[in-house]
Amino acid sequence: MRKEEMLSYLPPHWRKSKVFEEIMGAEGTEFDNILADVGDIQAQLDIDKATWGLAVYEKELGLQTDVSKPLSDRRAVIKSKMRGTGKTDAALIKAAADAYTNGDVEVTFPDGVIRIRFANVLGAPPNMGDLTNTIEELRPAHLPFEFEYLYLMLYQIQQLTINEIQDKCLTDFSPFKPVI
């Protein structure tokens, strides 16, 4: 809160006082700090904006806190854990997997195998280790699971410019085994 704004609430003869001017300047700084702290606490209520509050979510959900992981990976694990409760079916597995890829995951059960297909992600999405652990927790023990990845096809590569090709990851071009 600006000093001038706070002084405007005072009677006119006090607004010119150096004492009140200094007091309002100090109080304004403190109010600004309090408002910033309140804003930071409000940000922790949104998993997509949380930073230090992620440890609270992880503790509440019984997850191991690993501050060496990127915040985006930790957020994905938290979202997945929050979504991953209830009867295990394709919708539940999809909801949990979507947390790692921001959507566009297809889950099918052909031949008794849970197949998770990443529809809009080329290659393996980041944080595959945590996603694999989540699926292990959710799936019925008798059902195996596998991931299906998308890669650029030769005809798609031929349509790219050199600059577009240089912007791609090597794993977008070939079915390399993902690092888990």
N, C-alpha and C. Protein backbone atom coordinates (compact mmCIF):
# COMPACT_ATOMS: atom_id res chain seq x y z
N MET A 1 0.86 -1.16 0.00
CA MET A 1 0.00 0.00 0.00
C MET A 1 0.91 1.22 0.00
N ARG A 2 0.64 2.11 -0.88
CA ARG A 2 1.51 3.27 -1.03
C ARG A 2 1.32 4.26 0.11
N LYS A 3 2.43 4.91 0.45
CA LYS A 3 2.44 5.88 1.55
C LYS A 3 1.43 6.99 1.28
N GLU A 4 1.37 7.48 0.02
CA GLU A 4 0.46 8.56 -0.32
C GLU A 4 -0.99 8.16 -0.09
N GLU A 5 -1.31 6.91 -0.41
CA GLU A 5 -2.67 6.42 -0.21
C GLU A 5 -3.02 6.39 1.27
N MET A 6 -2.08 5.92 2.07
CA MET A 6 -2.35 5.85 3.52
C MET A 6 -2.45 7.25 4.12
N LEU A 7 -1.62 8.17 3.66
CA LEU A 7 -1.70 9.54 4.17
C LEU A 7 -3.03 10.19 3.81
N SER A 8 -3.63 9.79 2.70
CA SER A 8 -4.89 10.41 2.27
C SER A 8 -6.04 10.11 3.23
N TYR A 9 -5.89 9.10 4.07
CA TYR A 9 -6.93 8.77 5.05
C TYR A 9 -6.82 9.62 6.33
N LEU A 10 -5.71 10.31 6.47
CA LEU A 10 -5.50 11.13 7.66
C LEU A 10 -6.13 12.51 7.50
N PRO A 11 -6.41 13.18 8.62
CA PRO A 11 -6.89 14.56 8.53
C PRO A 11 -5.84 15.43 7.83
N PRO A 12 -6.26 16.45 7.12
CA PRO A 12 -5.33 17.27 6.31
C PRO A 12 -4.12 17.81 7.09
N HIS A 13 -4.28 18.22 8.33
CA HIS A 13 -3.16 18.82 9.06
C HIS A 13 -2.11 17.77 9.46
N TRP A 14 -2.47 16.48 9.50
CA TRP A 14 -1.50 15.42 9.83
C TRP A 14 -0.75 14.93 8.58
N ARG A 15 -1.32 15.18 7.43
CA ARG A 15 -0.71 14.70 6.18
C ARG A 15 0.64 15.35 5.92
N LYS A 16 0.87 16.53 6.47
CA LYS A 16 2.12 17.24 6.25
C LYS A 16 3.15 16.94 7.32
N SER A 17 2.79 16.16 8.30
CA SER A 17 3.69 15.84 9.41
C SER A 17 4.75 14.85 8.96
N LYS A 18 6.00 15.16 9.21
CA LYS A 18 7.11 14.25 8.87
C LYS A 18 7.02 12.97 9.69
N VAL A 19 6.55 13.05 10.91
CA VAL A 19 6.40 11.86 11.76
C VAL A 19 5.39 10.90 11.12
N PHE A 20 4.21 11.42 10.77
CA PHE A 20 3.19 10.56 10.16
C PHE A 20 3.63 10.06 8.79
N GLU A 21 4.36 10.88 8.07
CA GLU A 21 4.85 10.46 6.76
C GLU A 21 5.79 9.26 6.91
N GLU A 22 6.67 9.29 7.89
CA GLU A 22 7.58 8.17 8.13
C GLU A 22 6.83 6.93 8.62
N ILE A 23 5.88 7.14 9.51
CA ILE A 23 5.08 6.02 10.02
C ILE A 23 4.32 5.35 8.87
N MET A 24 3.65 6.15 8.05
CA MET A 24 2.86 5.61 6.94
C MET A 24 3.77 4.92 5.91
N GLY A 25 4.97 5.45 5.71
CA GLY A 25 5.91 4.80 4.80
C GLY A 25 6.31 3.42 5.30
N ALA A 26 6.61 3.32 6.60
CA ALA A 26 6.99 2.03 7.20
C ALA A 26 5.80 1.07 7.21
N GLU A 27 4.63 1.56 7.58
CA GLU A 27 3.44 0.71 7.60
C GLU A 27 3.08 0.24 6.19
N GLY A 28 3.22 1.13 5.20
CA GLY A 28 2.92 0.76 3.82
C GLY A 28 3.81 -0.38 3.35
N THR A 29 5.09 -0.32 3.72
CA THR A 29 6.01 -1.40 3.36
C THR A 29 5.59 -2.71 4.01
N GLU A 30 5.20 -2.64 5.28
CA GLU A 30 4.76 -3.85 5.98
C GLU A 30 3.48 -4.42 5.36
N PHE A 31 2.54 -3.54 5.02
CA PHE A 31 1.32 -4.02 4.36
C PHE A 31 1.64 -4.68 3.02
N ASP A 32 2.56 -4.11 2.27
CA ASP A 32 2.97 -4.71 0.99
C ASP A 32 3.55 -6.10 1.21
N ASN A 33 4.38 -6.24 2.25
CA ASN A 33 4.96 -7.56 2.57
C ASN A 33 3.89 -8.56 2.95
N ILE A 34 2.92 -8.11 3.75
CA ILE A 34 1.83 -9.01 4.17
C ILE A 34 1.00 -9.42 2.96
N LEU A 35 0.69 -8.49 2.07
CA LEU A 35 -0.09 -8.82 0.86
C LEU A 35 0.68 -9.80 -0.03
N ALA A 36 1.99 -9.62 -0.12
CA ALA A 36 2.80 -10.56 -0.91
C ALA A 36 2.76 -11.95 -0.29
N ASP A 37 2.86 -12.01 1.04
CA ASP A 37 2.79 -13.31 1.73
C ASP A 37 1.43 -13.97 1.54
N VAL A 38 0.37 -13.20 1.61
CA VAL A 38 -0.97 -13.75 1.41
C VAL A 38 -1.10 -14.28 -0.02
N GLY A 39 -0.58 -13.54 -0.98
CA GLY A 39 -0.60 -14.00 -2.37
C GLY A 39 0.18 -15.29 -2.55
N ASP A 40 1.32 -15.40 -1.86
CA ASP A 40 2.12 -16.63 -1.95
C ASP A 40 1.37 -17.81 -1.35
N ILE A 41 0.71 -17.58 -0.22
CA ILE A 41 -0.06 -18.66 0.41
C ILE A 41 -1.23 -19.07 -0.48
N GLN A 42 -1.89 -18.09 -1.11
CA GLN A 42 -2.98 -18.42 -2.03
C GLN A 42 -2.46 -19.24 -3.21
N ALA A 43 -1.26 -18.94 -3.69
CA ALA A 43 -0.69 -19.71 -4.80
C ALA A 43 -0.46 -21.16 -4.41
N GLN A 44 -0.18 -21.42 -3.15
CA GLN A 44 0.08 -22.79 -2.70
C GLN A 44 -1.19 -23.64 -2.71
N LEU A 45 -2.35 -23.00 -2.76
CA LEU A 45 -3.61 -23.74 -2.81
C LEU A 45 -3.89 -24.31 -4.20
N ASP A 46 -3.19 -23.82 -5.21
CA ASP A 46 -3.33 -24.30 -6.58
C ASP A 46 -2.10 -25.14 -6.91
N ILE A 47 -2.29 -26.42 -7.15
CA ILE A 47 -1.16 -27.32 -7.38
C ILE A 47 -0.30 -26.84 -8.55
N ASP A 48 -0.92 -26.25 -9.57
CA ASP A 48 -0.17 -25.79 -10.73
C ASP A 48 0.71 -24.57 -10.44
N LYS A 49 0.46 -23.89 -9.34
CA LYS A 49 1.25 -22.72 -8.97
C LYS A 49 2.08 -22.96 -7.71
N ALA A 50 1.79 -24.01 -6.98
CA ALA A 50 2.45 -24.27 -5.69
C ALA A 50 3.95 -24.51 -5.88
N THR A 51 4.70 -24.09 -4.89
CA THR A 51 6.15 -24.34 -4.85
C THR A 51 6.47 -25.04 -3.53
N TRP A 52 6.66 -24.26 -2.48
CA TRP A 52 6.98 -24.86 -1.19
C TRP A 52 5.80 -25.65 -0.62
N GLY A 53 4.58 -25.38 -1.08
CA GLY A 53 3.40 -26.10 -0.61
C GLY A 53 3.30 -27.52 -1.15
N LEU A 54 4.10 -27.85 -2.17
CA LEU A 54 4.05 -29.21 -2.71
C LEU A 54 4.42 -30.24 -1.64
N ALA A 55 5.33 -29.89 -0.74
CA ALA A 55 5.72 -30.82 0.33
C ALA A 55 4.54 -31.14 1.23
N VAL A 56 3.65 -30.18 1.43
CA VAL A 56 2.46 -30.41 2.25
C VAL A 56 1.53 -31.40 1.55
N TYR A 57 1.32 -31.19 0.25
CA TYR A 57 0.48 -32.12 -0.52
C TYR A 57 1.09 -33.52 -0.49
N GLU A 58 2.40 -33.60 -0.69
CA GLU A 58 3.06 -34.91 -0.72
C GLU A 58 2.92 -35.62 0.62
N LYS A 59 3.09 -34.90 1.71
CA LYS A 59 2.95 -35.51 3.03
C LYS A 59 1.52 -36.00 3.24
N GLU A 60 0.56 -35.18 2.86
CA GLU A 60 -0.85 -35.53 3.03
C GLU A 60 -1.23 -36.77 2.23
N LEU A 61 -0.62 -36.93 1.06
CA LEU A 61 -0.95 -38.06 0.18
C LEU A 61 -0.04 -39.26 0.41
N GLY A 62 0.89 -39.16 1.36
CA GLY A 62 1.79 -40.28 1.65
C GLY A 62 2.86 -40.47 0.59
N LEU A 63 3.24 -39.39 -0.09
CA LEU A 63 4.26 -39.46 -1.13
C LEU A 63 5.61 -39.05 -0.57
N GLN A 64 6.65 -39.60 -1.14
CA GLN A 64 8.02 -39.23 -0.76
C GLN A 64 8.35 -37.87 -1.37
N THR A 65 8.84 -36.94 -0.58
CA THR A 65 9.22 -35.63 -1.08
C THR A 65 10.65 -35.70 -1.60
N ASP A 66 10.82 -35.33 -2.86
CA ASP A 66 12.14 -35.32 -3.49
C ASP A 66 12.34 -33.95 -4.11
N VAL A 67 13.01 -33.05 -3.37
CA VAL A 67 13.17 -31.68 -3.85
C VAL A 67 14.13 -31.59 -5.04
N SER A 68 14.83 -32.67 -5.37
CA SER A 68 15.72 -32.64 -6.52
C SER A 68 14.94 -32.79 -7.83
N LYS A 69 13.69 -33.24 -7.76
CA LYS A 69 12.86 -33.38 -8.96
C LYS A 69 12.33 -32.01 -9.37
N PRO A 70 12.11 -31.82 -10.67
CA PRO A 70 11.49 -30.56 -11.11
C PRO A 70 10.09 -30.41 -10.53
N LEU A 71 9.68 -29.17 -10.30
CA LEU A 71 8.35 -28.91 -9.73
C LEU A 71 7.25 -29.52 -10.60
N SER A 72 7.42 -29.47 -11.92
CA SER A 72 6.39 -30.02 -12.81
C SER A 72 6.22 -31.51 -12.60
N ASP A 73 7.31 -32.23 -12.35
CA ASP A 73 7.22 -33.68 -12.09
C ASP A 73 6.53 -33.95 -10.77
N ARG A 74 6.87 -33.16 -9.75
CA ARG A 74 6.23 -33.34 -8.44
C ARG A 74 4.74 -33.04 -8.52
N ARG A 75 4.39 -32.00 -9.28
CA ARG A 75 2.97 -31.66 -9.43
C ARG A 75 2.22 -32.78 -10.12
N ALA A 76 2.85 -33.38 -11.14
CA ALA A 76 2.19 -34.46 -11.87
C ALA A 76 1.91 -35.66 -10.96
N VAL A 77 2.87 -35.98 -10.09
CA VAL A 77 2.68 -37.11 -9.17
C VAL A 77 1.53 -36.80 -8.20
N ILE A 78 1.49 -35.58 -7.70
CA ILE A 78 0.43 -35.18 -6.77
C ILE A 78 -0.94 -35.25 -7.45
N LYS A 79 -1.04 -34.67 -8.65
CA LYS A 79 -2.32 -34.70 -9.37
C LYS A 79 -2.76 -36.13 -9.65
N SER A 80 -1.80 -36.94 -10.05
CA SER A 80 -2.13 -38.32 -10.36
C SER A 80 -2.62 -39.06 -9.13
N LYS A 81 -1.96 -38.84 -8.01
CA LYS A 81 -2.37 -39.50 -6.76
C LYS A 81 -3.76 -39.03 -6.33
N MET A 82 -4.04 -37.75 -6.53
CA MET A 82 -5.35 -37.22 -6.14
C MET A 82 -6.45 -37.77 -7.06
N ARG A 83 -6.13 -37.98 -8.32
CA ARG A 83 -7.12 -38.51 -9.27
C ARG A 83 -7.25 -40.02 -9.16
N GLY A 84 -6.21 -40.67 -8.68
CA GLY A 84 -6.14 -42.12 -8.74
C GLY A 84 -6.75 -42.84 -7.57
N THR A 85 -7.96 -42.50 -7.21
CA THR A 85 -8.64 -43.24 -6.16
C THR A 85 -9.99 -43.69 -6.67
N GLY A 86 -10.40 -44.87 -6.27
CA GLY A 86 -11.68 -45.41 -6.71
C GLY A 86 -11.50 -46.74 -7.39
N LYS A 87 -12.56 -47.19 -8.06
CA LYS A 87 -12.52 -48.46 -8.77
C LYS A 87 -11.58 -48.35 -9.96
N THR A 88 -10.67 -49.30 -10.09
CA THR A 88 -9.71 -49.25 -11.18
C THR A 88 -10.38 -49.65 -12.49
N ASP A 89 -10.44 -48.69 -13.40
CA ASP A 89 -10.95 -48.94 -14.74
C ASP A 89 -10.18 -48.04 -15.70
N ALA A 90 -10.54 -48.07 -16.97
CA ALA A 90 -9.82 -47.28 -17.97
C ALA A 90 -9.89 -45.79 -17.65
N ALA A 91 -11.02 -45.32 -17.16
CA ALA A 91 -11.18 -43.90 -16.86
C ALA A 91 -10.25 -43.47 -15.73
N LEU A 92 -10.10 -44.30 -14.72
CA LEU A 92 -9.21 -43.97 -13.60
C LEU A 92 -7.75 -43.94 -14.05
N ILE A 93 -7.35 -44.93 -14.82
CA ILE A 93 -5.97 -44.97 -15.31
C ILE A 93 -5.72 -43.79 -16.24
N LYS A 94 -6.70 -43.46 -17.08
CA LYS A 94 -6.56 -42.31 -17.97
C LYS A 94 -6.40 -41.02 -17.17
N ALA A 95 -7.22 -40.84 -16.16
CA ALA A 95 -7.15 -39.62 -15.34
C ALA A 95 -5.78 -39.50 -14.68
N ALA A 96 -5.25 -40.60 -14.18
CA ALA A 96 -3.93 -40.56 -13.55
C ALA A 96 -2.84 -40.28 -14.57
N ALA A 97 -2.90 -40.93 -15.73
CA ALA A 97 -1.88 -40.73 -16.76
C ALA A 97 -1.96 -39.33 -17.37
N ASP A 98 -3.17 -38.79 -17.49
CA ASP A 98 -3.33 -37.44 -18.02
C ASP A 98 -2.57 -36.41 -17.19
N ALA A 99 -2.44 -36.66 -15.90
CA ALA A 99 -1.73 -35.72 -15.04
C ALA A 99 -0.27 -35.57 -15.44
N TYR A 100 0.28 -36.56 -16.09
CA TYR A 100 1.69 -36.51 -16.49
C TYR A 100 1.89 -35.91 -17.88
N THR A 101 0.83 -35.82 -18.67
CA THR A 101 0.98 -35.38 -20.05
C THR A 101 0.06 -34.23 -20.40
N ASN A 102 -0.64 -33.68 -19.45
CA ASN A 102 -1.62 -32.62 -19.68
C ASN A 102 -2.71 -33.06 -20.64
N GLY A 103 -3.12 -34.30 -20.51
CA GLY A 103 -4.24 -34.81 -21.29
C GLY A 103 -3.82 -35.60 -22.51
N ASP A 104 -4.79 -36.04 -23.26
CA ASP A 104 -4.60 -36.76 -24.51
C ASP A 104 -3.91 -38.10 -24.34
N VAL A 105 -4.31 -38.84 -23.34
CA VAL A 105 -3.85 -40.21 -23.15
C VAL A 105 -5.03 -41.12 -23.46
N GLU A 106 -4.78 -42.17 -24.21
CA GLU A 106 -5.83 -43.14 -24.50
C GLU A 106 -5.50 -44.44 -23.78
N VAL A 107 -6.48 -45.02 -23.10
CA VAL A 107 -6.28 -46.27 -22.37
C VAL A 107 -7.24 -47.31 -22.94
N THR A 108 -6.68 -48.45 -23.33
CA THR A 108 -7.48 -49.56 -23.84
C THR A 108 -7.04 -50.84 -23.15
N PHE A 109 -7.86 -51.88 -23.28
CA PHE A 109 -7.57 -53.19 -22.69
C PHE A 109 -7.62 -54.29 -23.75
N PRO A 110 -6.79 -54.22 -24.80
CA PRO A 110 -6.84 -55.30 -25.79
C PRO A 110 -6.16 -56.55 -25.25
N ASP A 111 -6.77 -57.68 -25.41
CA ASP A 111 -6.19 -58.97 -25.03
C ASP A 111 -5.73 -59.01 -23.57
N GLY A 112 -6.45 -58.34 -22.69
CA GLY A 112 -6.14 -58.39 -21.27
C GLY A 112 -4.88 -57.63 -20.87
N VAL A 113 -4.44 -56.71 -21.69
CA VAL A 113 -3.26 -55.89 -21.40
C VAL A 113 -3.72 -54.44 -21.34
N ILE A 114 -3.30 -53.73 -20.31
CA ILE A 114 -3.61 -52.30 -20.22
C ILE A 114 -2.64 -51.58 -21.15
N ARG A 115 -3.17 -50.93 -22.19
CA ARG A 115 -2.31 -50.20 -23.14
C ARG A 115 -2.57 -48.71 -22.96
N ILE A 116 -1.50 -47.99 -22.67
CA ILE A 116 -1.58 -46.55 -22.47
C ILE A 116 -0.87 -45.90 -23.65
N ARG A 117 -1.66 -45.17 -24.45
CA ARG A 117 -1.13 -44.56 -25.67
C ARG A 117 -1.07 -43.05 -25.47
N PHE A 118 0.09 -42.49 -25.74
CA PHE A 118 0.27 -41.04 -25.66
C PHE A 118 -0.10 -40.45 -27.01
N ALA A 119 -1.28 -39.84 -27.09
CA ALA A 119 -1.84 -39.44 -28.37
C ALA A 119 -1.20 -38.18 -28.96
N ASN A 120 -0.76 -37.25 -28.14
CA ASN A 120 -0.22 -35.98 -28.66
C ASN A 120 1.19 -35.69 -28.18
N VAL A 121 1.90 -36.69 -27.71
CA VAL A 121 3.27 -36.51 -27.24
C VAL A 121 4.17 -37.37 -28.11
N LEU A 122 5.17 -36.75 -28.73
CA LEU A 122 6.13 -37.53 -29.51
C LEU A 122 7.14 -38.16 -28.57
N GLY A 123 7.43 -39.43 -28.77
CA GLY A 123 8.37 -40.14 -27.92
C GLY A 123 7.80 -40.34 -26.52
N ALA A 124 8.68 -40.59 -25.59
CA ALA A 124 8.26 -40.81 -24.21
C ALA A 124 8.13 -39.47 -23.49
N PRO A 125 7.01 -39.24 -22.80
CA PRO A 125 6.88 -38.00 -22.05
C PRO A 125 7.86 -37.99 -20.87
N PRO A 126 8.15 -36.82 -20.35
CA PRO A 126 9.04 -36.76 -19.18
C PRO A 126 8.39 -37.42 -17.97
N ASN A 127 9.20 -37.82 -17.03
CA ASN A 127 8.71 -38.36 -15.77
C ASN A 127 8.06 -39.74 -15.92
N MET A 128 8.57 -40.53 -16.83
CA MET A 128 8.02 -41.87 -17.06
C MET A 128 8.17 -42.77 -15.84
N GLY A 129 9.21 -42.57 -15.06
CA GLY A 129 9.40 -43.40 -13.86
C GLY A 129 8.25 -43.25 -12.88
N ASP A 130 7.86 -42.00 -12.62
CA ASP A 130 6.75 -41.77 -11.70
C ASP A 130 5.43 -42.26 -12.29
N LEU A 131 5.25 -42.08 -13.59
CA LEU A 131 4.03 -42.57 -14.23
C LEU A 131 3.95 -44.09 -14.12
N THR A 132 5.06 -44.76 -14.36
CA THR A 132 5.10 -46.23 -14.25
C THR A 132 4.75 -46.66 -12.84
N ASN A 133 5.31 -46.00 -11.84
CA ASN A 133 4.99 -46.32 -10.45
C ASN A 133 3.50 -46.12 -10.14
N THR A 134 2.93 -45.06 -10.68
CA THR A 134 1.51 -44.79 -10.46
C THR A 134 0.65 -45.89 -11.07
N ILE A 135 0.97 -46.28 -12.30
CA ILE A 135 0.19 -47.34 -12.96
C ILE A 135 0.35 -48.65 -12.19
N GLU A 136 1.56 -48.91 -11.69
CA GLU A 136 1.78 -50.13 -10.89
C GLU A 136 0.87 -50.15 -9.66
N GLU A 137 0.70 -48.99 -9.03
CA GLU A 137 -0.16 -48.91 -7.84
C GLU A 137 -1.64 -49.08 -8.19
N LEU A 138 -2.04 -48.55 -9.34
CA LEU A 138 -3.46 -48.54 -9.70
C LEU A 138 -3.96 -49.85 -10.31
N ARG A 139 -3.14 -50.48 -11.10
CA ARG A 139 -3.61 -51.60 -11.91
C ARG A 139 -3.86 -52.84 -11.05
N PRO A 140 -4.82 -53.66 -11.48
CA PRO A 140 -4.98 -54.95 -10.82
C PRO A 140 -3.72 -55.79 -11.07
N ALA A 141 -3.30 -56.53 -10.09
CA ALA A 141 -2.03 -57.26 -10.15
C ALA A 141 -1.97 -58.26 -11.31
N HIS A 142 -3.11 -58.79 -11.74
CA HIS A 142 -3.10 -59.80 -12.79
C HIS A 142 -3.04 -59.22 -14.21
N LEU A 143 -3.18 -57.89 -14.34
CA LEU A 143 -3.16 -57.27 -15.66
C LEU A 143 -1.83 -56.58 -15.93
N PRO A 144 -1.13 -57.02 -16.97
CA PRO A 144 0.10 -56.31 -17.35
C PRO A 144 -0.26 -55.00 -18.05
N PHE A 145 0.71 -54.11 -18.17
CA PHE A 145 0.47 -52.86 -18.88
C PHE A 145 1.65 -52.55 -19.78
N GLU A 146 1.37 -51.74 -20.79
CA GLU A 146 2.43 -51.31 -21.69
C GLU A 146 2.10 -49.91 -22.18
N PHE A 147 3.15 -49.21 -22.60
CA PHE A 147 3.00 -47.87 -23.12
C PHE A 147 3.16 -47.91 -24.63
N GLU A 148 2.41 -47.08 -25.31
CA GLU A 148 2.52 -46.96 -26.76
C GLU A 148 2.88 -45.51 -27.07
N TYR A 149 3.98 -45.34 -27.80
CA TYR A 149 4.50 -44.02 -28.09
C TYR A 149 4.27 -43.64 -29.55
N LEU A 150 4.24 -42.35 -29.82
CA LEU A 150 4.14 -41.83 -31.18
C LEU A 150 5.52 -41.32 -31.60
N TYR A 151 5.86 -41.56 -32.86
CA TYR A 151 7.11 -41.06 -33.42
C TYR A 151 6.81 -40.43 -34.76
N LEU A 152 7.72 -39.58 -35.21
CA LEU A 152 7.56 -38.98 -36.53
C LEU A 152 7.77 -40.04 -37.60
N MET A 153 6.89 -40.03 -38.58
CA MET A 153 7.01 -40.95 -39.70
C MET A 153 7.87 -40.30 -40.78
N LEU A 154 8.43 -41.11 -41.66
CA LEU A 154 9.33 -40.62 -42.69
C LEU A 154 8.67 -39.54 -43.54
N TYR A 155 7.40 -39.73 -43.93
CA TYR A 155 6.74 -38.72 -44.75
C TYR A 155 6.57 -37.40 -43.99
N GLN A 156 6.44 -37.47 -42.65
CA GLN A 156 6.33 -36.25 -41.85
C GLN A 156 7.66 -35.52 -41.77
N ILE A 157 8.73 -36.28 -41.66
CA ILE A 157 10.07 -35.69 -41.58
C ILE A 157 10.41 -34.99 -42.89
N GLN A 158 10.01 -35.57 -44.01
CA GLN A 158 10.30 -34.99 -45.31
C GLN A 158 9.62 -33.64 -45.51
N GLN A 159 8.55 -33.39 -44.77
CA GLN A 159 7.83 -32.13 -44.89
C GLN A 159 8.40 -31.04 -43.98
N LEU A 160 9.36 -31.39 -43.12
CA LEU A 160 9.93 -30.42 -42.18
C LEU A 160 11.10 -29.67 -42.82
N THR A 161 11.30 -28.43 -42.39
CA THR A 161 12.49 -27.68 -42.79
C THR A 161 13.65 -28.10 -41.91
N ILE A 162 14.84 -27.71 -42.30
CA ILE A 162 16.03 -28.03 -41.51
C ILE A 162 15.90 -27.43 -40.10
N ASN A 163 15.43 -26.20 -40.01
CA ASN A 163 15.27 -25.57 -38.70
C ASN A 163 14.27 -26.31 -37.83
N GLU A 164 13.17 -26.78 -38.42
CA GLU A 164 12.18 -27.54 -37.66
C GLU A 164 12.75 -28.87 -37.19
N ILE A 165 13.56 -29.49 -38.03
CA ILE A 165 14.19 -30.76 -37.64
C ILE A 165 15.17 -30.54 -36.50
N GLN A 166 15.91 -29.44 -36.55
CA GLN A 166 16.88 -29.15 -35.49
C GLN A 166 16.21 -28.86 -34.16
N ASP A 167 14.97 -28.40 -34.19
CA ASP A 167 14.24 -28.11 -32.96
C ASP A 167 13.66 -29.36 -32.31
N LYS A 168 13.65 -30.49 -33.01
CA LYS A 168 13.08 -31.73 -32.50
C LYS A 168 14.10 -32.48 -31.65
N CYS A 169 13.59 -33.28 -30.73
CA CYS A 169 14.44 -34.17 -29.94
C CYS A 169 14.73 -35.42 -30.76
N LEU A 170 15.88 -36.03 -30.53
CA LEU A 170 16.25 -37.24 -31.25
C LEU A 170 15.23 -38.35 -31.02
N THR A 171 14.66 -38.40 -29.84
CA THR A 171 13.69 -39.45 -29.52
C THR A 171 12.36 -39.27 -30.25
N ASP A 172 12.15 -38.12 -30.91
CA ASP A 172 10.94 -37.92 -31.71
C ASP A 172 11.00 -38.70 -33.02
N PHE A 173 12.21 -39.08 -33.44
CA PHE A 173 12.40 -39.68 -34.75
C PHE A 173 12.45 -41.20 -34.74
N SER A 174 12.82 -41.77 -33.64
CA SER A 174 13.05 -43.21 -33.64
C SER A 174 12.52 -43.82 -32.35
N PRO A 175 12.06 -45.04 -32.42
CA PRO A 175 11.51 -45.67 -31.20
C PRO A 175 12.60 -46.15 -30.25
N PHE A 176 13.36 -45.18 -29.72
CA PHE A 176 14.35 -45.54 -28.73
C PHE A 176 13.64 -46.00 -27.47
N LYS A 177 14.26 -46.87 -26.75
CA LYS A 177 13.68 -47.31 -25.48
C LYS A 177 13.71 -46.13 -24.52
N PRO A 178 12.56 -45.79 -23.93
CA PRO A 178 12.55 -44.64 -23.03
C PRO A 178 13.37 -44.92 -21.77
N VAL A 179 13.96 -43.86 -21.27
CA VAL A 179 14.71 -43.97 -20.03
C VAL A 179 13.73 -43.87 -18.88
N ILE A 180 13.65 -44.89 -18.06
CA ILE A 180 12.70 -44.91 -16.94
C ILE A 180 13.45 -44.86 -15.63
